[in-house]
PDB file of N, CA and C in Angstrom:
ATOM      1  N   MET A   1      -8.346   3.401   8.239  1.00  0.00           N
ATOM      2  CA  MET A   1      -6.666   3.226   8.895  1.00  0.00           C
ATOM      3  C   MET A   1      -6.178   2.360   8.258  1.00  0.00           C
ATOM      4  N   PRO A   2      -4.903   2.862   8.290  1.00  0.00           N
ATOM      5  CA  PRO A   2      -3.615   2.224   7.219  1.00  0.00           C
ATOM      6  C   PRO A   2      -2.882   1.445   7.556  1.00  0.00           C
ATOM      7  N   THR A   3      -2.849   0.477   6.890  1.00  0.00           N
ATOM      8  CA  THR A   3      -2.326  -0.652   7.023  1.00  0.00           C
ATOM      9  C   THR A   3      -1.025  -0.937   6.418  1.00  0.00           C
ATOM     10  N   HIS A   4      -0.127  -2.075   7.369  1.00  0.00           N
ATOM     11  CA  HIS A   4       0.823  -2.443   5.562  1.00  0.00           C
ATOM     12  C   HIS A   4       0.690  -3.657   5.659  1.00  0.00           C
ATOM     13  N   ILE A   5       0.300  -4.623   4.863  1.00  0.00           N
ATOM     14  CA  ILE A   5       0.033  -5.686   4.647  1.00  0.00           C
ATOM     15  C   ILE A   5       0.628  -6.866   5.430  1.00  0.00           C
ATOM     16  N   MET A   6       1.787  -6.899   4.677  1.00  0.00           N
ATOM     17  CA  MET A   6       2.071  -7.835   5.390  1.00  0.00           C
ATOM     18  C   MET A   6       2.398  -8.094   7.649  1.00  0.00           C
ATOM     19  N   THR A   7       2.404  -6.672   7.860  1.00  0.00           N
ATOM     20  CA  THR A   7       2.615  -7.178   8.994  1.00  0.00           C
ATOM     21  C   THR A   7       1.264  -6.458  10.074  1.00  0.00           C
ATOM     22  N   TYR A   8       0.481  -6.053   9.396  1.00  0.00           N
ATOM     23  CA  TYR A   8      -1.458  -6.008   9.816  1.00  0.00           C
ATOM     24  C   TYR A   8      -1.348  -8.024  11.040  1.00  0.00           C
ATOM     25  N   ASP A   9      -1.991  -7.731  11.995  1.00  0.00           N
ATOM     26  CA  ASP A   9      -2.902  -8.365  12.700  1.00  0.00           C
ATOM     27  C   ASP A   9      -4.007  -7.786  13.168  1.00  0.00           C
ATOM     28  N   GLU A  10      -4.792  -8.484  13.754  1.00  0.00           N
ATOM     29  CA  GLU A  10      -6.566  -8.173  13.853  1.00  0.00           C
ATOM     30  C   GLU A  10      -5.774  -7.519  15.469  1.00  0.00           C
ATOM     31  N   SER A  11      -4.781  -7.914  16.342  1.00  0.00           N
ATOM     32  CA  SER A  11      -4.998  -7.617  17.795  1.00  0.00           C
ATOM     33  C   SER A  11      -4.240  -5.862  17.133  1.00  0.00           C
ATOM     34  N   LEU A  12      -3.523  -6.164  16.578  1.00  0.00           N
ATOM     35  CA  LEU A  12      -3.530  -4.081  16.309  1.00  0.00           C
ATOM     36  C   LEU A  12      -5.085  -2.708  16.481  1.00  0.00           C
ATOM     37  N   LEU A  13      -6.229  -3.875  16.617  1.00  0.00           N
ATOM     38  CA  LEU A  13      -7.010  -2.644  15.905  1.00  0.00           C
ATOM     39  C   LEU A  13      -7.659  -2.275  17.707  1.00  0.00           C
ATOM     40  N   PRO A  14      -8.372  -1.071  17.297  1.00  0.00           N
ATOM     41  CA  PRO A  14      -8.433   0.029  18.442  1.00  0.00           C
ATOM     42  C   PRO A  14      -9.422  -1.203  18.953  1.00  0.00           C
ATOM     43  N   THR A  15     -10.108  -1.405  20.490  1.00  0.00           N
ATOM     44  CA  THR A  15     -10.510  -1.568  21.204  1.00  0.00           C
ATOM     45  C   THR A  15     -11.687  -0.758  22.023  1.00  0.00           C
ATOM     46  N   HIS A  16     -13.074  -1.245  22.841  1.00  0.00           N
ATOM     47  CA  HIS A  16     -13.668  -0.608  24.078  1.00  0.00           C
ATOM     48  C   HIS A  16     -14.929  -0.831  24.493  1.00  0.00           C
ATOM     49  N   PRO A  17     -13.777  -1.003  25.860  1.00  0.00           N
ATOM     50  CA  PRO A  17     -16.065  -2.121  26.240  1.00  0.00           C
ATOM     51  C   PRO A  17     -16.882  -2.037  25.752  1.00  0.00           C
ATOM     52  N   CYS A  18     -17.392  -1.338  25.566  1.00  0.00           N
ATOM     53  CA  CYS A  18     -19.407  -0.848  25.022  1.00  0.00           C
ATOM     54  C   CYS A  18     -19.085  -1.064  23.730  1.00  0.00           C
ATOM     55  N   PHE A  19     -17.874  -0.991  22.710  1.00  0.00           N
ATOM     56  CA  PHE A  19     -18.254  -1.622  21.561  1.00  0.00           C
ATOM     57  C   PHE A  19     -17.792  -3.500  21.429  1.00  0.00           C
ATOM     58  N   LYS A  20     -17.762  -3.951  19.797  1.00  0.00           N
ATOM     59  CA  LYS A  20     -17.957  -4.919  20.087  1.00  0.00           C
ATOM     60  C   LYS A  20     -17.390  -4.942  17.924  1.00  0.00           C
ATOM     61  N   LEU A  21     -16.081  -6.081  17.228  1.00  0.00           N
ATOM     62  CA  LEU A  21     -15.716  -5.500  16.386  1.00  0.00           C
ATOM     63  C   LEU A  21     -16.920  -5.832  15.153  1.00  0.00           C
ATOM     64  N   PHE A  22     -17.730  -5.244  13.930  1.00  0.00           N
ATOM     65  CA  PHE A  22     -18.978  -5.527  13.486  1.00  0.00           C
ATOM     66  C   PHE A  22     -17.868  -6.484  12.352  1.00  0.00           C
ATOM     67  N   SER A  23     -17.026  -5.181  10.803  1.00  0.00           N
ATOM     68  CA  SER A  23     -16.984  -5.419  10.111  1.00  0.00           C
ATOM     69  C   SER A  23     -15.190  -5.575  10.208  1.00  0.00           C
ATOM     70  N   ASN A  24     -14.766  -6.024   9.865  1.00  0.00           N
ATOM     71  CA  ASN A  24     -13.257  -5.735   9.300  1.00  0.00           C
ATOM     72  C   ASN A  24     -13.199  -5.380   7.773  1.00  0.00           C
ATOM     73  N   ASP A  25     -13.276  -4.624   6.839  1.00  0.00           N
ATOM     74  CA  ASP A  25     -12.839  -4.650   5.627  1.00  0.00           C
ATOM     75  C   ASP A  25     -11.690  -3.806   4.710  1.00  0.00           C
ATOM     76  N   GLU A  26     -10.942  -4.928   3.913  1.00  0.00           N
ATOM     77  CA  GLU A  26      -9.760  -4.113   3.394  1.00  0.00           C
ATOM     78  C   GLU A  26     -10.051  -3.917   2.226  1.00  0.00           C
ATOM     79  N   GLN A  27      -9.184  -2.198   2.145  1.00  0.00           N
ATOM     80  CA  GLN A  27      -9.285  -1.987   0.748  1.00  0.00           C
ATOM     81  C   GLN A  27      -7.467  -1.709  -0.218  1.00  0.00           C
ATOM     82  N   GLN A  28      -7.206  -2.820  -0.978  1.00  0.00           N
ATOM     83  CA  GLN A  28      -5.732  -3.133  -0.834  1.00  0.00           C
ATOM     84  C   GLN A  28      -5.423  -2.242  -2.083  1.00  0.00           C
ATOM     85  N   LEU A  29      -4.466  -1.181  -1.582  1.00  0.00           N
ATOM     86  CA  LEU A  29      -3.331   0.549  -2.259  1.00  0.00           C
ATOM     87  C   LEU A  29      -2.806  -0.266  -2.822  1.00  0.00           C
ATOM     88  N   ASN A  30      -1.699  -0.936  -2.374  1.00  0.00           N
ATOM     89  CA  ASN A  30      -1.277  -1.929  -3.832  1.00  0.00           C
ATOM     90  C   ASN A  30      -0.280  -2.913  -3.293  1.00  0.00           C
ATOM     91  N   HIS A  31       0.778  -4.045  -3.303  1.00  0.00           N
ATOM     92  CA  HIS A  31       0.969  -4.598  -2.950  1.00  0.00           C
ATOM     93  C   HIS A  31       1.804  -4.416  -1.293  1.00  0.00           C
ATOM     94  N   THR A  32       1.948  -3.979  -1.386  1.00  0.00           N
ATOM     95  CA  THR A  32       2.175  -3.222   0.652  1.00  0.00           C
ATOM     96  C   THR A  32       0.888  -2.133   1.447  1.00  0.00           C
ATOM     97  N   THR A  33       0.710  -2.009   1.277  1.00  0.00           N
ATOM     98  CA  THR A  33      -0.484  -1.450   2.395  1.00  0.00           C
ATOM     99  C   THR A  33      -1.958  -1.390   1.687  1.00  0.00           C
ATOM    100  N   SER A  34      -2.775  -1.377   2.944  1.00  0.00           N
ATOM    101  CA  SER A  34      -4.243  -1.317   2.340  1.00  0.00           C
ATOM    102  C   SER A  34      -4.743  -0.436   3.300  1.00  0.00           C
ATOM    103  N   ARG A  35      -6.437  -0.007   3.294  1.00  0.00           N
ATOM    104  CA  ARG A  35      -6.862   0.654   4.362  1.00  0.00           C
ATOM    105  C   ARG A  35      -7.980  -0.211   4.788  1.00  0.00           C
ATOM    106  N   ARG A  36      -8.185   0.047   6.298  1.00  0.00           N
ATOM    107  CA  ARG A  36      -9.309  -1.462   6.529  1.00  0.00           C
ATOM    108  C   ARG A  36     -10.629  -0.141   7.195  1.00  0.00           C
ATOM    109  N   LEU A  37     -11.472  -0.948   6.816  1.00  0.00           N
ATOM    110  CA  LEU A  37     -13.142   0.559   7.318  1.00  0.00           C
ATOM    111  C   LEU A  37     -13.333  -1.033   8.313  1.00  0.00           C
ATOM    112  N   ILE A  38     -13.187   0.124   9.657  1.00  0.00           N
ATOM    113  CA  ILE A  38     -13.093  -0.560  11.326  1.00  0.00           C
ATOM    114  C   ILE A  38     -14.873   0.023  11.115  1.00  0.00           C
ATOM    115  N   THR A  39     -16.001  -0.726  11.428  1.00  0.00           N
ATOM    116  CA  THR A  39     -17.355  -0.824  11.872  1.00  0.00           C
ATOM    117  C   THR A  39     -16.858  -2.066  13.573  1.00  0.00           C
ATOM    118  N   MET A  40     -17.662  -1.259  14.357  1.00  0.00           N
ATOM    119  CA  MET A  40     -18.137  -1.350  15.965  1.00  0.00           C
ATOM    120  C   MET A  40     -19.751  -1.443  15.690  1.00  0.00           C
ATOM    121  N   ILE A  41     -20.264  -2.260  16.694  1.00  0.00           N
ATOM    122  CA  ILE A  41     -21.252  -1.499  17.091  1.00  0.00           C
ATOM    123  C   ILE A  41     -21.273  -1.676  18.954  1.00  0.00           C
ATOM    124  N   LYS A  42     -22.367  -0.651  19.168  1.00  0.00           N
ATOM    125  CA  LYS A  42     -22.761  -0.334  20.768  1.00  0.00           C
ATOM    126  C   LYS A  42     -22.837  -1.362  21.477  1.00  0.00           C
ATOM    127  N   VAL A  43     -22.733  -2.258  22.112  1.00  0.00           N
ATOM    128  CA  VAL A  43     -23.482  -2.617  22.831  1.00  0.00           C
ATOM    129  C   VAL A  43     -23.412  -2.020  24.256  1.00  0.00           C
ATOM    130  N   ARG A  44     -23.372  -2.189  24.219  1.00  0.00           N
ATOM    131  CA  ARG A  44     -24.147  -1.021  26.273  1.00  0.00           C
ATOM    132  C   ARG A  44     -23.529   0.362  26.056  1.00  0.00           C
ATOM    133  N   GLU A  45     -23.951   0.939  27.483  1.00  0.00           N
ATOM    134  CA  GLU A  45     -23.856   2.155  27.253  1.00  0.00           C
ATOM    135  C   GLU A  45     -23.075   2.274  27.935  1.00  0.00           C
ATOM    136  N   SER A  46     -21.882   3.217  27.719  1.00  0.00           N
ATOM    137  CA  SER A  46     -20.547   3.585  28.670  1.00  0.00           C
ATOM    138  C   SER A  46     -21.009   4.260  30.271  1.00  0.00           C
ATOM    139  N   THR A  47     -20.179   3.980  31.080  1.00  0.00           N
ATOM    140  CA  THR A  47     -19.863   4.085  32.913  1.00  0.00           C
ATOM    141  C   THR A  47     -18.796   5.374  33.087  1.00  0.00           C
ATOM    142  N   GLY A  48     -18.322   5.966  31.797  1.00  0.00           N
ATOM    143  CA  GLY A  48     -18.426   6.658  32.343  1.00  0.00           C
ATOM    144  C   GLY A  48     -16.556   6.769  32.027  1.00  0.00           C
ATOM    145  N   ASP A  49     -15.564   6.309  32.708  1.00  0.00           N
ATOM    146  CA  ASP A  49     -14.541   5.877  33.101  1.00  0.00           C
ATOM    147  C   ASP A  49     -14.055   5.373  32.388  1.00  0.00           C
ATOM    148  N   GLU A  50     -14.616   4.974  31.044  1.00  0.00           N
ATOM    149  CA  GLU A  50     -13.715   3.529  29.984  1.00  0.00           C
ATOM    150  C   GLU A  50     -13.465   4.492  28.851  1.00  0.00           C
ATOM    151  N   LYS A  51     -11.895   3.439  28.389  1.00  0.00           N
ATOM    152  CA  LYS A  51     -11.366   4.424  27.723  1.00  0.00           C
ATOM    153  C   LYS A  51     -11.097   3.644  26.056  1.00  0.00           C
ATOM    154  N   ALA A  52     -11.544   3.694  25.685  1.00  0.00           N
ATOM    155  CA  ALA A  52     -10.480   3.413  23.686  1.00  0.00           C
ATOM    156  C   ALA A  52      -8.704   3.100  24.714  1.00  0.00           C
ATOM    157  N   THR A  53      -8.825   1.909  23.853  1.00  0.00           N
ATOM    158  CA  THR A  53      -7.412   1.257  23.729  1.00  0.00           C
ATOM    159  C   THR A  53      -7.363   1.119  22.485  1.00  0.00           C
ATOM    160  N   VAL A  54      -5.548   1.831  21.780  1.00  0.00           N
ATOM    161  CA  VAL A  54      -5.466   2.024  20.742  1.00  0.00           C
ATOM    162  C   VAL A  54      -3.672   1.857  20.805  1.00  0.00           C
ATOM    163  N   ASN A  55      -3.456   0.817  19.646  1.00  0.00           N
ATOM    164  CA  ASN A  55      -1.999  -0.186  19.559  1.00  0.00           C
ATOM    165  C   ASN A  55      -1.434   0.976  19.488  1.00  0.00           C
ATOM    166  N   GLU A  56      -0.417   1.591  19.101  1.00  0.00           N
ATOM    167  CA  GLU A  56       0.238   2.575  19.049  1.00  0.00           C
ATOM    168  C   GLU A  56       1.807   2.528  18.119  1.00  0.00           C
ATOM    169  N   LYS A  57       1.357   0.605  18.217  1.00  0.00           N
ATOM    170  CA  LYS A  57       2.618  -0.394  17.334  1.00  0.00           C
ATOM    171  C   LYS A  57       1.450   0.066  15.950  1.00  0.00           C
ATOM    172  N   LEU A  58       0.655   0.096  15.690  1.00  0.00           N
ATOM    173  CA  LEU A  58      -0.068   0.751  14.323  1.00  0.00           C
ATOM    174  C   LEU A  58      -0.201   1.688  13.683  1.00  0.00           C
ATOM    175  N   PHE A  59       0.661   2.792  14.364  1.00  0.00           N
ATOM    176  CA  PHE A  59       0.471   3.827  13.738  1.00  0.00           C
ATOM    177  C   PHE A  59       1.708   4.706  14.202  1.00  0.00           C
ATOM    178  N   ASN A  60       2.894   3.921  15.063  1.00  0.00           N
ATOM    179  CA  ASN A  60       3.851   4.191  14.639  1.00  0.00           C
ATOM    180  C   ASN A  60       4.521   3.520  13.733  1.00  0.00           C
ATOM    181  N   ASN A  61       4.323   2.540  13.289  1.00  0.00           N
ATOM    182  CA  ASN A  61       5.450   2.216  12.643  1.00  0.00           C
ATOM    183  C   ASN A  61       4.901   2.212  10.872  1.00  0.00           C
ATOM    184  N   PHE A  62       3.318   3.088  10.586  1.00  0.00           N
ATOM    185  CA  PHE A  62       3.532   2.785   9.464  1.00  0.00           C
ATOM    186  C   PHE A  62       4.435   3.499   8.625  1.00  0.00           C
ATOM    187  N   ARG A  63       4.108   4.160   9.415  1.00  0.00           N
ATOM    188  CA  ARG A  63       5.120   5.159   8.109  1.00  0.00           C
ATOM    189  C   ARG A  63       6.976   5.034   7.753  1.00  0.00           C
ATOM    190  N   ASP A  64       6.831   3.937   8.894  1.00  0.00           N
ATOM    191  CA  ASP A  64       8.751   3.370   8.617  1.00  0.00           C
ATOM    192  C   ASP A  64       8.195   2.377   7.521  1.00  0.00           C
ATOM    193  N   LEU A  65       7.216   1.658   8.402  1.00  0.00           N
ATOM    194  CA  LEU A  65       7.055   0.540   7.337  1.00  0.00           C
ATOM    195  C   LEU A  65       7.159   1.126   5.768  1.00  0.00           C
ATOM    196  N   TYR A  66       6.417   1.940   5.234  1.00  0.00           N
ATOM    197  CA  TYR A  66       5.748   2.005   3.995  1.00  0.00           C
ATOM    198  C   TYR A  66       6.918   2.641   3.595  1.00  0.00           C
ATOM    199  N   PHE A  67       8.380   3.528   3.989  1.00  0.00           N
ATOM    200  CA  PHE A  67       9.410   3.326   2.852  1.00  0.00           C
ATOM    201  C   PHE A  67      10.757   3.018   4.108  1.00  0.00           C
ATOM    202  N   THR A  68       9.932   0.989   4.112  1.00  0.00           N
ATOM    203  CA  THR A  68      11.561   0.359   3.931  1.00  0.00           C
ATOM    204  C   THR A  68      10.877  -0.832   3.112  1.00  0.00           C
ATOM    205  N   PRO A  69      12.037  -1.066   2.595  1.00  0.00           N
ATOM    206  CA  PRO A  69      11.531  -1.956   1.586  1.00  0.00           C
ATOM    207  C   PRO A  69      11.195  -3.395   1.715  1.00  0.00           C
ATOM    208  N   ASN A  70      10.848  -3.972   1.486  1.00  0.00           N
ATOM    209  CA  ASN A  70      10.043  -5.298   1.391  1.00  0.00           C
ATOM    210  C   ASN A  70      10.935  -6.333   2.224  1.00  0.00           C
ATOM    211  N   THR A  71      12.204  -6.083   1.537  1.00  0.00           N
ATOM    212  CA  THR A  71      13.203  -7.621   1.896  1.00  0.00           C
ATOM    213  C   THR A  71      13.562  -7.438   2.841  1.00  0.00           C
ATOM    214  N   LYS A  72      13.655  -6.353   4.004  1.00  0.00           N
ATOM    215  CA  LYS A  72      14.319  -5.809   5.375  1.00  0.00           C
ATOM    216  C   LYS A  72      13.034  -5.823   6.278  1.00  0.00           C
ATOM    217  N   ILE A  73      11.834  -5.841   5.581  1.00  0.00           N
ATOM    218  CA  ILE A  73      10.841  -6.523   6.673  1.00  0.00           C
ATOM    219  C   ILE A  73      11.094  -7.456   7.009  1.00  0.00           C
ATOM    220  N   TRP A  74      10.832  -8.232   5.952  1.00  0.00           N
ATOM    221  CA  TRP A  74      10.934 -10.080   5.826  1.00  0.00           C
ATOM    222  C   TRP A  74      12.363 -10.259   6.975  1.00  0.00           C
ATOM    223  N   GLU A  75      13.163  -9.425   6.730  1.00  0.00           N
ATOM    224  CA  GLU A  75      13.964 -10.535   7.626  1.00  0.00           C
ATOM    225  C   GLU A  75      13.725  -9.708   8.891  1.00  0.00           C
ATOM    226  N   GLN A  76      13.367  -8.542   9.261  1.00  0.00           N
ATOM    227  CA  GLN A  76      12.829  -8.178  10.454  1.00  0.00           C
ATOM    228  C   GLN A  76      11.930  -8.691  11.485  1.00  0.00           C
ATOM    229  N   LEU A  77      10.743  -9.448  10.541  1.00  0.00           N
ATOM    230  CA  LEU A  77      10.249 -10.429  11.584  1.00  0.00           C
ATOM    231  C   LEU A  77      10.352 -11.948  11.071  1.00  0.00           C
ATOM    232  N   ASN A  78      11.297 -12.587  10.820  1.00  0.00           N
ATOM    233  CA  ASN A  78      12.237 -13.535  10.561  1.00  0.00           C
ATOM    234  C   ASN A  78      12.646 -13.443  11.968  1.00  0.00           C
ATOM    235  N   SER A  79      13.589 -12.382  12.581  1.00  0.00           N
ATOM    236  CA  SER A  79      14.237 -12.137  13.016  1.00  0.00           C
ATOM    237  C   SER A  79      13.461 -12.224  14.960  1.00  0.00           C
ATOM    238  N   GLU A  80      12.328 -11.431  14.907  1.00  0.00           N
ATOM    239  CA  GLU A  80      11.177 -11.824  15.467  1.00  0.00           C
ATOM    240  C   GLU A  80      11.310 -12.663  16.207  1.00  0.00           C
ATOM    241  N   ASN A  81      10.858 -13.896  15.075  1.00  0.00           N
ATOM    242  CA  ASN A  81       9.976 -14.832  15.027  1.00  0.00           C
ATOM    243  C   ASN A  81      11.341 -16.293  16.127  1.00  0.00           C
ATOM    244  N   ASP A  82      12.152 -15.742  15.622  1.00  0.00           N
ATOM    245  CA  ASP A  82      13.367 -16.598  15.738  1.00  0.00           C
ATOM    246  C   ASP A  82      14.211 -16.231  17.344  1.00  0.00           C
ATOM    247  N   THR A  83      13.462 -15.408  17.745  1.00  0.00           N
ATOM    248  CA  THR A  83      13.527 -15.103  19.420  1.00  0.00           C
ATOM    249  C   THR A  83      12.306 -15.442  20.362  1.00  0.00           C
TER     250      THR A  83
END
């Protein structure tokens, strides 16, 4: 899973009611990006109507963040925290 180091948050990870997070391993690729290996354990059988949830913010923003200078990202993060 591609991630931008400065904006990564564990709440962005995909979830499913039948699985629990077992490990979240990071391989840093450079000073701004990394990739993560997410390992989940099946804790029960699915009832059929349960669905996984994926935070679209994680994937939609990665490309934009990858090509954005770090100073602009810090400005955006600081302005979001001020509100």
